[in-house]
């Protein structure tokens, strides 16, 4: 039996599950400013995955990088959700939501 696909699927599920609260907390404490950090992490992981010979590890690093890049869009979407009142607003950053 070959478990490669199952291992990659579980790791993908966990990676997405990890990024979801990270994006929410990032937006709460720092707003959308850290999107550049997400970009660097994403590109770094995707480029790094190209040089990893192990299939499982390469896939996990690539998925992590893709999730970081997806997180950029989610940061801005999270900001819109906060403005709509769907998520709590950080009272210390209230002026960031006023336009």
PDB file of N, CA and C in Angstrom:
ATOM      1  N   UNK A   1       0.846  -1.182   0.000  1.00  0.00           N
ATOM      2  CA  UNK A   1       0.000   0.000   0.000  1.00  0.00           C
ATOM      3  C   UNK A   1       0.889   1.242   0.000  1.00  0.00           C
ATOM      4  N   UNK A   2       0.395   2.288  -0.674  1.00  0.00           N
ATOM      5  CA  UNK A   2       1.133   3.536  -0.783  1.00  0.00           C
ATOM      6  C   UNK A   2       0.364   4.635  -0.062  1.00  0.00           C
ATOM      7  N   UNK A   3       1.022   5.273   0.858  1.00  0.00           N
ATOM      8  CA  UNK A   3       0.376   6.277   1.703  1.00  0.00           C
ATOM      9  C   UNK A   3       0.726   7.714   1.312  1.00  0.00           C
ATOM     10  N   UNK A   4       1.494   7.889   0.254  1.00  0.00           N
ATOM     11  CA  UNK A   4       1.946   9.230  -0.127  1.00  0.00           C
ATOM     12  C   UNK A   4       0.785  10.191  -0.306  1.00  0.00           C
ATOM     13  N   UNK A   5      -0.226   9.806  -1.055  1.00  0.00           N
ATOM     14  CA  UNK A   5      -1.375  10.675  -1.311  1.00  0.00           C
ATOM     15  C   UNK A   5      -2.125  11.040  -0.042  1.00  0.00           C
ATOM     16  N   UNK A   6      -2.306  10.049   0.832  1.00  0.00           N
ATOM     17  CA  UNK A   6      -3.018  10.296   2.089  1.00  0.00           C
ATOM     18  C   UNK A   6      -2.215  11.242   2.978  1.00  0.00           C
ATOM     19  N   UNK A   7      -0.908  11.031   3.034  1.00  0.00           N
ATOM     20  CA  UNK A   7      -0.060  11.895   3.855  1.00  0.00           C
ATOM     21  C   UNK A   7      -0.111  13.332   3.347  1.00  0.00           C
ATOM     22  N   UNK A   8      -0.006  13.510   2.035  1.00  0.00           N
ATOM     23  CA  UNK A   8      -0.071  14.850   1.455  1.00  0.00           C
ATOM     24  C   UNK A   8      -1.429  15.478   1.707  1.00  0.00           C
ATOM     25  N   UNK A   9      -2.501  14.697   1.568  1.00  0.00           N
ATOM     26  CA  UNK A   9      -3.854  15.224   1.800  1.00  0.00           C
ATOM     27  C   UNK A   9      -4.038  15.683   3.248  1.00  0.00           C
ATOM     28  N   UNK A  10      -3.588  14.893   4.191  1.00  0.00           N
ATOM     29  CA  UNK A  10      -3.711  15.247   5.611  1.00  0.00           C
ATOM     30  C   UNK A  10      -2.886  16.496   5.914  1.00  0.00           C
ATOM     31  N   UNK A  11      -1.672  16.548   5.391  1.00  0.00           N
ATOM     32  CA  UNK A  11      -0.820  17.720   5.626  1.00  0.00           C
ATOM     33  C   UNK A  11      -1.409  18.976   4.979  1.00  0.00           C
ATOM     34  N   UNK A  12      -2.025  18.831   3.810  1.00  0.00           N
ATOM     35  CA  UNK A  12      -2.689  19.965   3.166  1.00  0.00           C
ATOM     36  C   UNK A  12      -3.840  20.461   4.024  1.00  0.00           C
ATOM     37  N   UNK A  13      -4.638  19.540   4.515  1.00  0.00           N
ATOM     38  CA  UNK A  13      -5.762  19.890   5.378  1.00  0.00           C
ATOM     39  C   UNK A  13      -5.274  20.616   6.631  1.00  0.00           C
ATOM     40  N   UNK A  14      -4.220  20.106   7.256  1.00  0.00           N
ATOM     41  CA  UNK A  14      -3.681  20.732   8.462  1.00  0.00           C
ATOM     42  C   UNK A  14      -3.073  22.104   8.162  1.00  0.00           C
ATOM     43  N   UNK A  15      -2.410  22.230   7.026  1.00  0.00           N
ATOM     44  CA  UNK A  15      -1.804  23.509   6.656  1.00  0.00           C
ATOM     45  C   UNK A  15      -2.871  24.574   6.477  1.00  0.00           C
ATOM     46  N   UNK A  16      -3.927  24.241   5.769  1.00  0.00           N
ATOM     47  CA  UNK A  16      -5.025  25.190   5.578  1.00  0.00           C
ATOM     48  C   UNK A  16      -5.656  25.522   6.926  1.00  0.00           C
ATOM     49  N   UNK A  17      -5.807  24.514   7.768  1.00  0.00           N
ATOM     50  CA  UNK A  17      -6.365  24.730   9.097  1.00  0.00           C
ATOM     51  C   UNK A  17      -5.502  25.619   9.968  1.00  0.00           C
ATOM     52  N   UNK A  18      -4.200  25.562   9.768  1.00  0.00           N
ATOM     53  CA  UNK A  18      -3.281  26.415  10.527  1.00  0.00           C
ATOM     54  C   UNK A  18      -3.334  27.850  10.002  1.00  0.00           C
ATOM     55  N   UNK A  19      -3.365  28.019   8.687  1.00  0.00           N
ATOM     56  CA  UNK A  19      -3.340  29.364   8.104  1.00  0.00           C
ATOM     57  C   UNK A  19      -4.596  30.156   8.412  1.00  0.00           C
ATOM     58  N   UNK A  20      -5.730  29.484   8.545  1.00  0.00           N
ATOM     59  CA  UNK A  20      -6.982  30.208   8.802  1.00  0.00           C
ATOM     60  C   UNK A  20      -6.898  31.081  10.058  1.00  0.00           C
ATOM     61  N   UNK A  21      -6.576  30.533  11.230  1.00  0.00           N
ATOM     62  CA  UNK A  21      -6.470  31.399  12.410  1.00  0.00           C
ATOM     63  C   UNK A  21      -5.278  32.351  12.357  1.00  0.00           C
ATOM     64  N   UNK A  22      -4.208  31.980  11.650  1.00  0.00           N
ATOM     65  CA  UNK A  22      -3.060  32.876  11.518  1.00  0.00           C
ATOM     66  C   UNK A  22      -3.470  34.148  10.780  1.00  0.00           C
ATOM     67  N   UNK A  23      -4.242  33.995   9.710  1.00  0.00           N
ATOM     68  CA  UNK A  23      -4.718  35.161   8.950  1.00  0.00           C
ATOM     69  C   UNK A  23      -5.615  36.032   9.828  1.00  0.00           C
ATOM     70  N   UNK A  24      -6.514  35.423  10.570  1.00  0.00           N
ATOM     71  CA  UNK A  24      -7.425  36.183  11.427  1.00  0.00           C
ATOM     72  C   UNK A  24      -6.649  36.958  12.484  1.00  0.00           C
ATOM     73  N   UNK A  25      -5.707  36.308  13.139  1.00  0.00           N
ATOM     74  CA  UNK A  25      -4.911  36.980  14.174  1.00  0.00           C
ATOM     75  C   UNK A  25      -4.007  38.058  13.579  1.00  0.00           C
ATOM     76  N   UNK A  26      -3.439  37.781  12.410  1.00  0.00           N
ATOM     77  CA  UNK A  26      -2.587  38.781  11.759  1.00  0.00           C
ATOM     78  C   UNK A  26      -3.381  40.046  11.475  1.00  0.00           C
ATOM     79  N   UNK A  27      -4.570  39.892  10.903  1.00  0.00           N
ATOM     80  CA  UNK A  27      -5.391  41.058  10.587  1.00  0.00           C
ATOM     81  C   UNK A  27      -5.810  41.779  11.858  1.00  0.00           C
ATOM     82  N   UNK A  28      -6.115  41.044  12.908  1.00  0.00           N
ATOM     83  CA  UNK A  28      -6.558  41.662  14.160  1.00  0.00           C
ATOM     84  C   UNK A  28      -5.455  42.538  14.760  1.00  0.00           C
ATOM     85  N   UNK A  29      -4.228  42.012  14.814  1.00  0.00           N
ATOM     86  CA  UNK A  29      -3.155  42.728  15.493  1.00  0.00           C
ATOM     87  C   UNK A  29      -2.387  43.704  14.587  1.00  0.00           C
ATOM     88  N   UNK A  30      -2.227  43.385  13.307  1.00  0.00           N
ATOM     89  CA  UNK A  30      -1.387  44.211  12.434  1.00  0.00           C
ATOM     90  C   UNK A  30      -2.081  44.703  11.179  1.00  0.00           C
ATOM     91  N   UNK A  31      -3.317  44.306  10.958  1.00  0.00           N
ATOM     92  CA  UNK A  31      -4.014  44.736   9.745  1.00  0.00           C
ATOM     93  C   UNK A  31      -3.511  43.994   8.520  1.00  0.00           C
ATOM     94  N   UNK A  32      -3.546  44.667   7.382  1.00  0.00           N
ATOM     95  CA  UNK A  32      -3.127  44.028   6.135  1.00  0.00           C
ATOM     96  C   UNK A  32      -1.669  44.315   5.786  1.00  0.00           C
ATOM     97  N   UNK A  33      -0.995  45.088   6.611  1.00  0.00           N
ATOM     98  CA  UNK A  33       0.399  45.455   6.325  1.00  0.00           C
ATOM     99  C   UNK A  33       1.335  44.252   6.154  1.00  0.00           C
ATOM    100  N   UNK A  34       1.170  43.149   6.873  1.00  0.00           N
ATOM    101  CA  UNK A  34       2.107  42.025   6.727  1.00  0.00           C
ATOM    102  C   UNK A  34       1.918  41.189   5.452  1.00  0.00           C
ATOM    103  N   UNK A  35       1.126  41.666   4.498  1.00  0.00           N
ATOM    104  CA  UNK A  35       0.922  40.879   3.280  1.00  0.00           C
ATOM    105  C   UNK A  35       2.252  40.608   2.571  1.00  0.00           C
ATOM    106  N   UNK A  36       3.210  41.499   2.706  1.00  0.00           N
ATOM    107  CA  UNK A  36       4.516  41.310   2.071  1.00  0.00           C
ATOM    108  C   UNK A  36       5.236  40.110   2.700  1.00  0.00           C
ATOM    109  N   UNK A  37       5.086  39.945   3.990  1.00  0.00           N
ATOM    110  CA  UNK A  37       5.687  38.790   4.671  1.00  0.00           C
ATOM    111  C   UNK A  37       5.070  37.500   4.135  1.00  0.00           C
ATOM    112  N   UNK A  38       3.751  37.506   3.964  1.00  0.00           N
ATOM    113  CA  UNK A  38       3.073  36.340   3.392  1.00  0.00           C
ATOM    114  C   UNK A  38       3.608  36.061   1.987  1.00  0.00           C
ATOM    115  N   UNK A  39       3.833  37.115   1.208  1.00  0.00           N
ATOM    116  CA  UNK A  39       4.350  36.961  -0.147  1.00  0.00           C
ATOM    117  C   UNK A  39       5.740  36.335  -0.135  1.00  0.00           C
ATOM    118  N   UNK A  40       6.610  36.830   0.729  1.00  0.00           N
ATOM    119  CA  UNK A  40       7.973  36.297   0.800  1.00  0.00           C
ATOM    120  C   UNK A  40       7.982  34.840   1.264  1.00  0.00           C
ATOM    121  N   UNK A  41       7.154  34.530   2.258  1.00  0.00           N
ATOM    122  CA  UNK A  41       7.061  33.143   2.724  1.00  0.00           C
ATOM    123  C   UNK A  41       6.551  32.243   1.603  1.00  0.00           C
ATOM    124  N   UNK A  42       5.501  32.697   0.922  1.00  0.00           N
ATOM    125  CA  UNK A  42       4.914  31.901  -0.153  1.00  0.00           C
ATOM    126  C   UNK A  42       5.890  31.632  -1.275  1.00  0.00           C
ATOM    127  N   UNK A  43       6.521  32.685  -1.767  1.00  0.00           N
ATOM    128  CA  UNK A  43       7.474  32.516  -2.867  1.00  0.00           C
ATOM    129  C   UNK A  43       8.664  31.673  -2.410  1.00  0.00           C
ATOM    130  N   UNK A  44       9.151  31.934  -1.208  1.00  0.00           N
ATOM    131  CA  UNK A  44      10.276  31.160  -0.691  1.00  0.00           C
ATOM    132  C   UNK A  44       9.971  29.674  -0.591  1.00  0.00           C
ATOM    133  N   UNK A  45       8.801  29.350  -0.085  1.00  0.00           N
ATOM    134  CA  UNK A  45       8.429  27.935   0.050  1.00  0.00           C
ATOM    135  C   UNK A  45       8.230  27.273  -1.313  1.00  0.00           C
ATOM    136  N   UNK A  46       7.607  27.985  -2.239  1.00  0.00           N
ATOM    137  CA  UNK A  46       7.376  27.394  -3.558  1.00  0.00           C
ATOM    138  C   UNK A  46       8.693  27.175  -4.291  1.00  0.00           C
ATOM    139  N   UNK A  47       9.577  28.145  -4.224  1.00  0.00           N
ATOM    140  CA  UNK A  47      10.901  27.969  -4.847  1.00  0.00           C
ATOM    141  C   UNK A  47      11.664  26.853  -4.130  1.00  0.00           C
ATOM    142  N   UNK A  48      11.588  26.844  -2.809  1.00  0.00           N
ATOM    143  CA  UNK A  48      12.250  25.790  -2.054  1.00  0.00           C
ATOM    144  C   UNK A  48      11.743  24.399  -2.398  1.00  0.00           C
ATOM    145  N   UNK A  49      10.438  24.288  -2.642  1.00  0.00           N
ATOM    146  CA  UNK A  49       9.853  22.994  -2.988  1.00  0.00           C
ATOM    147  C   UNK A  49      10.428  22.447  -4.287  1.00  0.00           C
ATOM    148  N   UNK A  50      10.858  23.331  -5.180  1.00  0.00           N
ATOM    149  CA  UNK A  50      11.455  22.892  -6.444  1.00  0.00           C
ATOM    150  C   UNK A  50      12.770  22.162  -6.242  1.00  0.00           C
ATOM    151  N   UNK A  51      13.419  22.403  -5.123  1.00  0.00           N
ATOM    152  CA  UNK A  51      14.743  21.835  -4.875  1.00  0.00           C
ATOM    153  C   UNK A  51      14.735  20.698  -3.857  1.00  0.00           C
ATOM    154  N   UNK A  52      13.564  20.296  -3.400  1.00  0.00           N
ATOM    155  CA  UNK A  52      13.455  19.207  -2.430  1.00  0.00           C
ATOM    156  C   UNK A  52      13.152  17.918  -3.189  1.00  0.00           C
ATOM    157  N   UNK A  53      14.014  16.957  -3.039  1.00  0.00           N
ATOM    158  CA  UNK A  53      13.879  15.706  -3.788  1.00  0.00           C
ATOM    159  C   UNK A  53      12.766  14.811  -3.244  1.00  0.00           C
ATOM    160  N   UNK A  54      12.569  14.820  -1.945  1.00  0.00           N
ATOM    161  CA  UNK A  54      11.550  13.982  -1.323  1.00  0.00           C
ATOM    162  C   UNK A  54      10.156  14.471  -1.718  1.00  0.00           C
ATOM    163  N   UNK A  55       9.372  13.602  -2.316  1.00  0.00           N
ATOM    164  CA  UNK A  55       8.057  13.973  -2.850  1.00  0.00           C
ATOM    165  C   UNK A  55       7.131  14.510  -1.771  1.00  0.00           C
ATOM    166  N   UNK A  56       7.048  13.824  -0.660  1.00  0.00           N
ATOM    167  CA  UNK A  56       6.129  14.239   0.397  1.00  0.00           C
ATOM    168  C   UNK A  56       6.547  15.589   0.964  1.00  0.00           C
ATOM    169  N   UNK A  57       7.802  15.747   1.290  1.00  0.00           N
ATOM    170  CA  UNK A  57       8.275  17.001   1.857  1.00  0.00           C
ATOM    171  C   UNK A  57       8.141  18.153   0.859  1.00  0.00           C
ATOM    172  N   UNK A  58       8.459  17.894  -0.399  1.00  0.00           N
ATOM    173  CA  UNK A  58       8.320  18.911  -1.429  1.00  0.00           C
ATOM    174  C   UNK A  58       6.864  19.359  -1.569  1.00  0.00           C
ATOM    175  N   UNK A  59       5.950  18.413  -1.543  1.00  0.00           N
ATOM    176  CA  UNK A  59       4.523  18.746  -1.646  1.00  0.00           C
ATOM    177  C   UNK A  59       4.060  19.554  -0.440  1.00  0.00           C
ATOM    178  N   UNK A  60       4.492  19.175   0.737  1.00  0.00           N
ATOM    179  CA  UNK A  60       4.084  19.882   1.957  1.00  0.00           C
ATOM    180  C   UNK A  60       4.610  21.313   1.940  1.00  0.00           C
ATOM    181  N   UNK A  61       5.867  21.495   1.561  1.00  0.00           N
ATOM    182  CA  UNK A  61       6.444  22.841   1.499  1.00  0.00           C
ATOM    183  C   UNK A  61       5.738  23.660   0.420  1.00  0.00           C
ATOM    184  N   UNK A  62       5.441  23.053  -0.719  1.00  0.00           N
ATOM    185  CA  UNK A  62       4.722  23.750  -1.781  1.00  0.00           C
ATOM    186  C   UNK A  62       3.321  24.154  -1.366  1.00  0.00           C
ATOM    187  N   UNK A  63       2.613  23.269  -0.686  1.00  0.00           N
ATOM    188  CA  UNK A  63       1.264  23.579  -0.201  1.00  0.00           C
ATOM    189  C   UNK A  63       1.320  24.696   0.838  1.00  0.00           C
ATOM    190  N   UNK A  64       2.319  24.661   1.697  1.00  0.00           N
ATOM    191  CA  UNK A  64       2.482  25.718   2.687  1.00  0.00           C
ATOM    192  C   UNK A  64       2.698  27.062   1.992  1.00  0.00           C
ATOM    193  N   UNK A  65       3.534  27.069   0.967  1.00  0.00           N
ATOM    194  CA  UNK A  65       3.774  28.292   0.212  1.00  0.00           C
ATOM    195  C   UNK A  65       2.536  28.791  -0.500  1.00  0.00           C
ATOM    196  N   UNK A  66       1.802  27.882  -1.117  1.00  0.00           N
ATOM    197  CA  UNK A  66       0.563  28.272  -1.801  1.00  0.00           C
ATOM    198  C   UNK A  66      -0.459  28.803  -0.803  1.00  0.00           C
ATOM    199  N   UNK A  67      -0.505  28.220   0.376  1.00  0.00           N
ATOM    200  CA  UNK A  67      -1.421  28.699   1.409  1.00  0.00           C
ATOM    201  C   UNK A  67      -1.034  30.086   1.895  1.00  0.00           C
ATOM    202  N   UNK A  68       0.257  30.351   1.968  1.00  0.00           N
ATOM    203  CA  UNK A  68       0.722  31.688   2.353  1.00  0.00           C
ATOM    204  C   UNK A  68       0.298  32.709   1.301  1.00  0.00           C
ATOM    205  N   UNK A  69       0.438  32.359   0.028  1.00  0.00           N
ATOM    206  CA  UNK A  69       0.011  33.265  -1.039  1.00  0.00           C
ATOM    207  C   UNK A  69      -1.500  33.467  -1.023  1.00  0.00           C
ATOM    208  N   UNK A  70      -2.240  32.408  -0.785  1.00  0.00           N
ATOM    209  CA  UNK A  70      -3.700  32.510  -0.663  1.00  0.00           C
ATOM    210  C   UNK A  70      -4.056  33.398   0.532  1.00  0.00           C
ATOM    211  N   UNK A  71      -3.259  33.329   1.566  1.00  0.00           N
ATOM    212  CA  UNK A  71      -3.485  34.125   2.773  1.00  0.00           C
ATOM    213  C   UNK A  71      -3.450  35.624   2.511  1.00  0.00           C
ATOM    214  N   UNK A  72      -2.739  36.062   1.465  1.00  0.00           N
ATOM    215  CA  UNK A  72      -2.704  37.485   1.133  1.00  0.00           C
ATOM    216  C   UNK A  72      -4.116  37.966   0.804  1.00  0.00           C
ATOM    217  N   UNK A  73      -4.782  37.238  -0.054  1.00  0.00           N
ATOM    218  CA  UNK A  73      -6.167  37.597  -0.391  1.00  0.00           C
ATOM    219  C   UNK A  73      -7.085  37.499   0.808  1.00  0.00           C
ATOM    220  N   UNK A  74      -6.837  36.505   1.636  1.00  0.00           N
ATOM    221  CA  UNK A  74      -7.677  36.322   2.816  1.00  0.00           C
ATOM    222  C   UNK A  74      -7.467  37.434   3.843  1.00  0.00           C
ATOM    223  N   UNK A  75      -6.268  38.002   3.916  1.00  0.00           N
ATOM    224  CA  UNK A  75      -6.030  39.140   4.812  1.00  0.00           C
ATOM    225  C   UNK A  75      -6.954  40.302   4.456  1.00  0.00           C
ATOM    226  N   UNK A  76      -7.027  40.604   3.158  1.00  0.00           N
ATOM    227  CA  UNK A  76      -7.868  41.715   2.719  1.00  0.00           C
ATOM    228  C   UNK A  76      -9.353  41.359   2.840  1.00  0.00           C
ATOM    229  N   UNK A  77      -9.698  40.095   2.591  1.00  0.00           N
ATOM    230  CA  UNK A  77     -11.077  39.655   2.782  1.00  0.00           C
ATOM    231  C   UNK A  77     -11.455  39.712   4.260  1.00  0.00           C
ATOM    232  N   UNK A  78     -10.516  39.366   5.132  1.00  0.00           N
ATOM    233  CA  UNK A  78     -10.769  39.425   6.572  1.00  0.00           C
ATOM    234  C   UNK A  78     -11.021  40.862   7.004  1.00  0.00           C
ATOM    235  N   UNK A  79     -10.278  41.788   6.424  1.00  0.00           N
ATOM    236  CA  UNK A  79     -10.503  43.206   6.745  1.00  0.00           C
ATOM    237  C   UNK A  79     -11.934  43.613   6.377  1.00  0.00           C
ATOM    238  N   UNK A  80     -12.405  43.153   5.213  1.00  0.00           N
ATOM    239  CA  UNK A  80     -13.792  43.459   4.810  1.00  0.00           C
ATOM    240  C   UNK A  80     -14.794  42.800   5.753  1.00  0.00           C
ATOM    241  N   UNK A  81     -14.493  41.584   6.195  1.00  0.00           N
ATOM    242  CA  UNK A  81     -15.397  40.899   7.129  1.00  0.00           C
ATOM    243  C   UNK A  81     -15.467  41.640   8.463  1.00  0.00           C
ATOM    244  N   UNK A  82     -14.328  42.184   8.913  1.00  0.00           N
ATOM    245  CA  UNK A  82     -14.310  42.962  10.162  1.00  0.00           C
ATOM    246  C   UNK A  82     -15.129  44.229   9.987  1.00  0.00           C
ATOM    247  N   UNK A  83     -14.980  44.887   8.838  1.00  0.00           N
ATOM    248  CA  UNK A  83     -15.752  46.108   8.581  1.00  0.00           C
ATOM    249  C   UNK A  83     -17.257  45.830   8.581  1.00  0.00           C
ATOM    250  N   UNK A  84     -17.652  44.648   8.142  1.00  0.00           N
ATOM    251  CA  UNK A  84     -19.063  44.276   8.121  1.00  0.00           C
ATOM    252  C   UNK A  84     -19.567  43.868   9.503  1.00  0.00           C
ATOM    253  N   UNK A  85     -18.640  43.699  10.439  1.00  0.00           N
ATOM    254  CA  UNK A  85     -19.023  43.303  11.788  1.00  0.00           C
ATOM    255  C   UNK A  85     -19.094  41.812  12.004  1.00  0.00           C
ATOM    256  N   UNK A  86     -18.610  41.034  11.067  1.00  0.00           N
ATOM    257  CA  UNK A  86     -18.643  39.582  11.190  1.00  0.00           C
ATOM    258  C   UNK A  86     -17.566  39.052  12.136  1.00  0.00           C
ATOM    259  N   UNK A  87     -16.492  39.831  12.315  1.00  0.00           N
ATOM    260  CA  UNK A  87     -15.405  39.462  13.210  1.00  0.00           C
ATOM    261  C   UNK A  87     -15.113  40.655  14.110  1.00  0.00           C
ATOM    262  N   UNK A  88     -14.545  40.423  15.292  1.00  0.00           N
ATOM    263  CA  UNK A  88     -14.275  41.543  16.202  1.00  0.00           C
ATOM    264  C   UNK A  88     -13.182  42.464  15.666  1.00  0.00           C
ATOM    265  N   UNK A  89     -13.365  43.746  15.928  1.00  0.00           N
ATOM    266  CA  UNK A  89     -12.401  44.759  15.533  1.00  0.00           C
ATOM    267  C   UNK A  89     -11.447  45.012  16.693  1.00  0.00           C
ATOM    268  N   UNK A  90     -10.193  45.168  16.396  1.00  0.00           N
ATOM    269  CA  UNK A  90      -9.213  45.503  17.413  1.00  0.00           C
ATOM    270  C   UNK A  90      -9.420  46.973  17.789  1.00  0.00           C
ATOM    271  N   UNK A  91      -9.840  47.261  19.020  1.00  0.00           N
ATOM    272  CA  UNK A  91     -10.123  48.647  19.403  1.00  0.00           C
ATOM    273  C   UNK A  91      -8.901  49.560  19.309  1.00  0.00           C
ATOM    274  N   UNK A  92      -7.713  49.009  19.401  1.00  0.00           N
ATOM    275  CA  UNK A  92      -6.496  49.811  19.295  1.00  0.00           C
ATOM    276  C   UNK A  92      -6.229  50.231  17.847  1.00  0.00           C
ATOM    277  N   UNK A  93      -6.875  49.562  16.896  1.00  0.00           N
ATOM    278  CA  UNK A  93      -6.660  49.859  15.488  1.00  0.00           C
ATOM    279  C   UNK A  93      -7.938  50.362  14.819  1.00  0.00           C
ATOM    280  N   UNK A  94      -8.845  50.914  15.564  1.00  0.00           N
ATOM    281  CA  UNK A  94     -10.149  51.334  15.042  1.00  0.00           C
ATOM    282  C   UNK A  94     -10.010  52.308  13.878  1.00  0.00           C
ATOM    283  N   UNK A  95      -9.035  53.212  13.941  1.00  0.00           N
ATOM    284  CA  UNK A  95      -8.857  54.205  12.882  1.00  0.00           C
ATOM    285  C   UNK A  95      -8.490  53.552  11.537  1.00  0.00           C
ATOM    286  N   UNK A  96      -7.906  52.368  11.564  1.00  0.00           N
ATOM    287  CA  UNK A  96      -7.537  51.666  10.317  1.00  0.00           C
ATOM    288  C   UNK A  96      -8.756  51.249   9.513  1.00  0.00           C
ATOM    289  N   UNK A  97      -9.904  51.159  10.161  1.00  0.00           N
ATOM    290  CA  UNK A  97     -11.118  50.697   9.474  1.00  0.00           C
ATOM    291  C   UNK A  97     -11.985  51.838   8.994  1.00  0.00           C
ATOM    292  N   UNK A  98     -11.627  53.046   9.351  1.00  0.00           N
ATOM    293  CA  UNK A  98     -12.427  54.204   8.955  1.00  0.00           C
ATOM    294  C   UNK A  98     -11.938  54.717   7.606  1.00  0.00           C
ATOM    295  N   UNK A  99     -12.879  54.886   6.701  1.00  0.00           N
ATOM    296  CA  UNK A  99     -12.525  55.421   5.386  1.00  0.00           C
ATOM    297  C   UNK A  99     -13.562  56.402   4.936  1.00  0.00           C
TER     298      UNK A  99
END
